[in-house]
C-alpha atoms as a PDB file:
ATOM      1  CA  MET A   1      -9.809   0.198   3.139  1.00  0.00           C
ATOM      2  CA  LEU A   2      -9.755   3.857   4.130  1.00  0.00           C
ATOM      3  CA  SER A   3     -10.048   2.995   7.831  1.00  0.00           C
ATOM      4  CA  LEU A   4      -7.153   0.495   7.584  1.00  0.00           C
ATOM      5  CA  ARG A   5      -4.999   3.145   5.910  1.00  0.00           C
ATOM      6  CA  ARG A   6      -5.932   5.698   8.584  1.00  0.00           C
ATOM      7  CA  THR A   7      -5.156   3.172  11.364  1.00  0.00           C
ATOM      8  CA  LEU A   8      -1.748   2.370   9.851  1.00  0.00           C
ATOM      9  CA  LEU A   9      -0.970   6.054   9.435  1.00  0.00           C
ATOM     10  CA  CYS A  10      -1.885   6.793  13.064  1.00  0.00           C
ATOM     11  CA  ALA A  11       0.138   3.815  14.308  1.00  0.00           C
ATOM     12  CA  SER A  12       3.169   4.943  12.283  1.00  0.00           C
ATOM     13  CA  ALA A  13       2.905   8.485  13.625  1.00  0.00           C
ATOM     14  CA  LEU A  14       2.669   7.157  17.170  1.00  0.00           C
ATOM     15  CA  LEU A  15       5.761   4.957  16.734  1.00  0.00           C
ATOM     16  CA  VAL A  16       7.762   7.848  15.293  1.00  0.00           C
ATOM     17  CA  SER A  17       6.773  10.140  18.158  1.00  0.00           C
ATOM     18  CA  PHE A  18       7.818   7.535  20.758  1.00  0.00           C
ATOM     19  CA  SER A  19      11.170   6.922  19.068  1.00  0.00           C
ATOM     20  CA  VAL A  20      11.911  10.646  18.853  1.00  0.00           C
ATOM     21  CA  HIS A  21      11.192  11.211  22.547  1.00  0.00           C
ATOM     22  CA  SER A  22      12.968   8.114  23.844  1.00  0.00           C
ATOM     23  CA  ALA A  23      16.406   9.014  22.457  1.00  0.00           C
ATOM     24  CA  PRO A  24      18.467  11.144  24.873  1.00  0.00           C
ATOM     25  CA  ARG A  25      19.221  14.595  23.567  1.00  0.00           C
ATOM     26  CA  GLU A  26      22.928  15.229  23.030  1.00  0.00           C
ATOM     27  CA  TYR A  27      24.640  18.618  22.912  1.00  0.00           C
ATOM     28  CA  GLY A  28      27.977  17.930  21.245  1.00  0.00           C
ATOM     29  CA  THR A  29      31.500  18.321  22.621  1.00  0.00           C
ATOM     30  CA  VAL A  30      33.192  20.966  24.779  1.00  0.00           C
ATOM     31  CA  ARG A  31      36.666  21.522  26.164  1.00  0.00           C
ATOM     32  CA  VAL A  32      37.280  21.996  29.843  1.00  0.00           C
ATOM     33  CA  SER A  33      39.372  25.030  30.775  1.00  0.00           C
ATOM     34  CA  GLU A  34      39.749  24.093  34.455  1.00  0.00           C
ATOM     35  CA  VAL A  35      38.810  21.310  36.857  1.00  0.00           C
ATOM     36  CA  THR A  36      37.621  23.123  39.986  1.00  0.00           C
ATOM     37  CA  SER A  37      36.894  20.150  42.268  1.00  0.00           C
ATOM     38  CA  ILE A  38      36.757  16.362  42.221  1.00  0.00           C
ATOM     39  CA  TYR A  39      34.202  14.632  44.444  1.00  0.00           C
ATOM     40  CA  ASP A  40      34.804  11.012  43.475  1.00  0.00           C
ATOM     41  CA  ALA A  41      35.896   8.902  40.507  1.00  0.00           C
ATOM     42  CA  ASP A  42      32.892   9.746  38.343  1.00  0.00           C
ATOM     43  CA  THR A  43      31.755  13.164  39.609  1.00  0.00           C
ATOM     44  CA  PHE A  44      33.646  16.451  39.405  1.00  0.00           C
ATOM     45  CA  THR A  45      33.183  20.156  38.710  1.00  0.00           C
ATOM     46  CA  VAL A  46      34.666  22.123  35.807  1.00  0.00           C
ATOM     47  CA  ASN A  47      34.798  25.443  34.032  1.00  0.00           C
ATOM     48  CA  ILE A  48      33.997  25.097  30.341  1.00  0.00           C
ATOM     49  CA  GLN A  49      36.067  26.887  27.731  1.00  0.00           C
ATOM     50  CA  ASN A  50      34.265  29.579  25.699  1.00  0.00           C
ATOM     51  CA  TRP A  51      31.000  29.337  27.650  1.00  0.00           C
ATOM     52  CA  PRO A  52      29.619  32.380  29.490  1.00  0.00           C
ATOM     53  CA  GLY A  53      30.318  32.231  33.219  1.00  0.00           C
ATOM     54  CA  ILE A  54      26.661  31.967  34.144  1.00  0.00           C
ATOM     55  CA  VAL A  55      26.443  28.525  32.506  1.00  0.00           C
ATOM     56  CA  GLY A  56      30.085  27.535  32.113  1.00  0.00           C
ATOM     57  CA  GLU A  57      31.583  28.005  35.582  1.00  0.00           C
ATOM     58  CA  ARG A  58      31.557  25.355  38.326  1.00  0.00           C
ATOM     59  CA  VAL A  59      29.562  22.939  36.176  1.00  0.00           C
ATOM     60  CA  PRO A  60      28.951  19.528  37.793  1.00  0.00           C
ATOM     61  CA  VAL A  61      29.905  16.615  35.521  1.00  0.00           C
ATOM     62  CA  ARG A  62      29.048  12.926  35.806  1.00  0.00           C
ATOM     63  CA  VAL A  63      31.044  10.377  33.755  1.00  0.00           C
ATOM     64  CA  TYR A  64      28.717   8.506  31.386  1.00  0.00           C
ATOM     65  CA  GLY A  65      28.658   4.727  31.207  1.00  0.00           C
ATOM     66  CA  ILE A  66      30.090   3.695  34.575  1.00  0.00           C
ATOM     67  CA  ASP A  67      29.219   3.086  38.188  1.00  0.00           C
ATOM     68  CA  ALA A  68      32.137   3.752  40.513  1.00  0.00           C
ATOM     69  CA  PRO A  69      32.270   3.007  44.244  1.00  0.00           C
ATOM     70  CA  GLU A  70      30.872   5.747  46.477  1.00  0.00           C
ATOM     71  CA  ILE A  71      32.976   7.791  48.906  1.00  0.00           C
ATOM     72  CA  LYS A  72      30.197   7.354  51.483  1.00  0.00           C
ATOM     73  CA  GLY A  73      29.859   3.677  50.600  1.00  0.00           C
ATOM     74  CA  GLN A  74      27.988   0.989  52.467  1.00  0.00           C
ATOM     75  CA  CYS A  75      31.033  -0.976  53.646  1.00  0.00           C
ATOM     76  CA  PRO A  76      34.767  -0.456  54.254  1.00  0.00           C
ATOM     77  CA  ARG A  77      35.654  -2.225  50.981  1.00  0.00           C
ATOM     78  CA  GLU A  78      33.519   0.172  48.921  1.00  0.00           C
ATOM     79  CA  LYS A  79      34.941   3.215  50.716  1.00  0.00           C
ATOM     80  CA  ASN A  80      38.502   1.967  50.144  1.00  0.00           C
ATOM     81  CA  LEU A  81      37.840   1.298  46.445  1.00  0.00           C
ATOM     82  CA  ALA A  82      36.207   4.728  46.157  1.00  0.00           C
ATOM     83  CA  GLN A  83      39.377   6.398  47.433  1.00  0.00           C
ATOM     84  CA  GLN A  84      41.524   4.396  44.988  1.00  0.00           C
ATOM     85  CA  ALA A  85      39.205   5.227  42.091  1.00  0.00           C
ATOM     86  CA  LYS A  86      39.149   8.903  43.034  1.00  0.00           C
ATOM     87  CA  GLN A  87      42.963   8.994  43.038  1.00  0.00           C
ATOM     88  CA  VAL A  88      43.035   7.572  39.494  1.00  0.00           C
ATOM     89  CA  THR A  89      40.606  10.277  38.369  1.00  0.00           C
ATOM     90  CA  VAL A  90      42.513  13.020  40.215  1.00  0.00           C
ATOM     91  CA  ALA A  91      45.828  11.969  38.657  1.00  0.00           C
ATOM     92  CA  ALA A  92      44.316  11.740  35.173  1.00  0.00           C
ATOM     93  CA  LEU A  93      42.498  15.088  35.338  1.00  0.00           C
ATOM     94  CA  ARG A  94      45.316  17.010  37.029  1.00  0.00           C
ATOM     95  CA  GLY A  95      47.916  15.667  34.579  1.00  0.00           C
ATOM     96  CA  ALA A  96      45.827  16.279  31.463  1.00  0.00           C
ATOM     97  CA  ARG A  97      46.746  18.550  28.605  1.00  0.00           C
ATOM     98  CA  VAL A  98      43.251  18.377  27.062  1.00  0.00           C
ATOM     99  CA  ILE A  99      39.973  17.383  28.727  1.00  0.00           C
ATOM    100  CA  GLU A 100      36.930  17.014  26.499  1.00  0.00           C
ATOM    101  CA  LEU A 101      33.329  16.296  27.398  1.00  0.00           C
ATOM    102  CA  ARG A 102      31.718  14.494  24.467  1.00  0.00           C
ATOM    103  CA  HIS A 103      28.099  13.545  23.760  1.00  0.00           C
ATOM    104  CA  LEU A 104      26.782  15.981  26.379  1.00  0.00           C
ATOM    105  CA  GLN A 105      23.473  15.175  28.058  1.00  0.00           C
ATOM    106  CA  ARG A 106      21.769  16.062  31.354  1.00  0.00           C
ATOM    107  CA  ASP A 107      21.296  13.484  34.096  1.00  0.00           C
ATOM    108  CA  LYS A 108      18.424  13.277  36.560  1.00  0.00           C
ATOM    109  CA  TYR A 109      20.231  15.674  38.935  1.00  0.00           C
ATOM    110  CA  PHE A 110      20.776  18.197  36.082  1.00  0.00           C
ATOM    111  CA  ARG A 111      24.530  17.547  35.995  1.00  0.00           C
ATOM    112  CA  ILE A 112      26.241  17.255  32.641  1.00  0.00           C
ATOM    113  CA  LEU A 113      26.467  13.585  31.742  1.00  0.00           C
ATOM    114  CA  ALA A 114      29.257  13.011  29.230  1.00  0.00           C
ATOM    115  CA  ASP A 115      31.934  10.752  27.863  1.00  0.00           C
ATOM    116  CA  VAL A 116      35.041  12.271  29.451  1.00  0.00           C
ATOM    117  CA  TYR A 117      38.204  12.132  27.357  1.00  0.00           C
ATOM    118  CA  ILE A 118      41.557  12.990  28.898  1.00  0.00           C
ATOM    119  CA  ASP A 119      44.208  13.450  26.200  1.00  0.00           C
ATOM    120  CA  ASN A 120      41.990  11.269  23.944  1.00  0.00           C
ATOM    121  CA  VAL A 121      41.719   8.471  26.544  1.00  0.00           C
ATOM    122  CA  LYS A 122      38.211   7.695  27.766  1.00  0.00           C
ATOM    123  CA  LEU A 123      38.108   8.030  31.573  1.00  0.00           C
ATOM    124  CA  ALA A 124      35.370   5.385  31.899  1.00  0.00           C
ATOM    125  CA  ASP A 125      37.527   2.813  30.096  1.00  0.00           C
ATOM    126  CA  LEU A 126      40.521   3.643  32.296  1.00  0.00           C
ATOM    127  CA  LEU A 127      38.519   3.069  35.498  1.00  0.00           C
ATOM    128  CA  ILE A 128      36.911  -0.129  34.185  1.00  0.00           C
ATOM    129  CA  LYS A 129      40.306  -1.510  33.116  1.00  0.00           C
ATOM    130  CA  LYS A 130      41.642  -0.923  36.643  1.00  0.00           C
ATOM    131  CA  ARG A 131      38.504  -2.629  38.080  1.00  0.00           C
ATOM    132  CA  LEU A 132      37.534   0.586  39.842  1.00  0.00           C
ATOM    133  CA  ALA A 133      34.226   0.958  37.979  1.00  0.00           C
ATOM    134  CA  TYR A 134      31.616  -1.204  36.293  1.00  0.00           C
ATOM    135  CA  PRO A 135      29.941  -0.466  32.969  1.00  0.00           C
ATOM    136  CA  TYR A 136      26.550   1.053  33.820  1.00  0.00           C
ATOM    137  CA  PHE A 137      23.744   2.252  31.565  1.00  0.00           C
ATOM    138  CA  GLY A 138      20.765   2.556  33.911  1.00  0.00           C
ATOM    139  CA  GLU A 139      20.105  -1.062  34.846  1.00  0.00           C
ATOM    140  CA  THR A 140      20.393  -2.444  38.381  1.00  0.00           C
ATOM    141  CA  LYS A 141      23.758  -1.499  39.860  1.00  0.00           C
ATOM    142  CA  GLN A 142      26.243  -4.152  40.920  1.00  0.00           C
ATOM    143  CA  LYS A 143      27.193  -4.354  44.586  1.00  0.00           C
ATOM    144  CA  TRP A 144      30.590  -3.204  45.832  1.00  0.00           C
ATOM    145  CA  CYS A 145      30.214  -4.848  49.261  1.00  0.00           C
END
């Protein structure tokens, strides 16, 4: 009986430790003070309001939850869609009164990965609605070509 209890206790501890480590760590919400450059529809660089310059200036950001066509795409169609998608992002960011990065995380390239809200409109949803991005959460990416 004691060994069964010990086994169950160890198994429970193991499950808890796996669940704690598998959840992505989030760092809250910040406001953007300036967009410094825009690479493509889902990648741009910002300065973050009220953060020290050493960590808050020229911060690369990746939009969470989408896959957008790449500027250096594999076919003319993808490159064309990438330019259209970038223009939507440029217009939205440049015309914004308030840009918030919510549910901050780090991606595999150490960029900030976040839900990007422009005047309370989610940028990912805007791009998906215009068919310039697909929902993406780490599975196999869809083809643009």
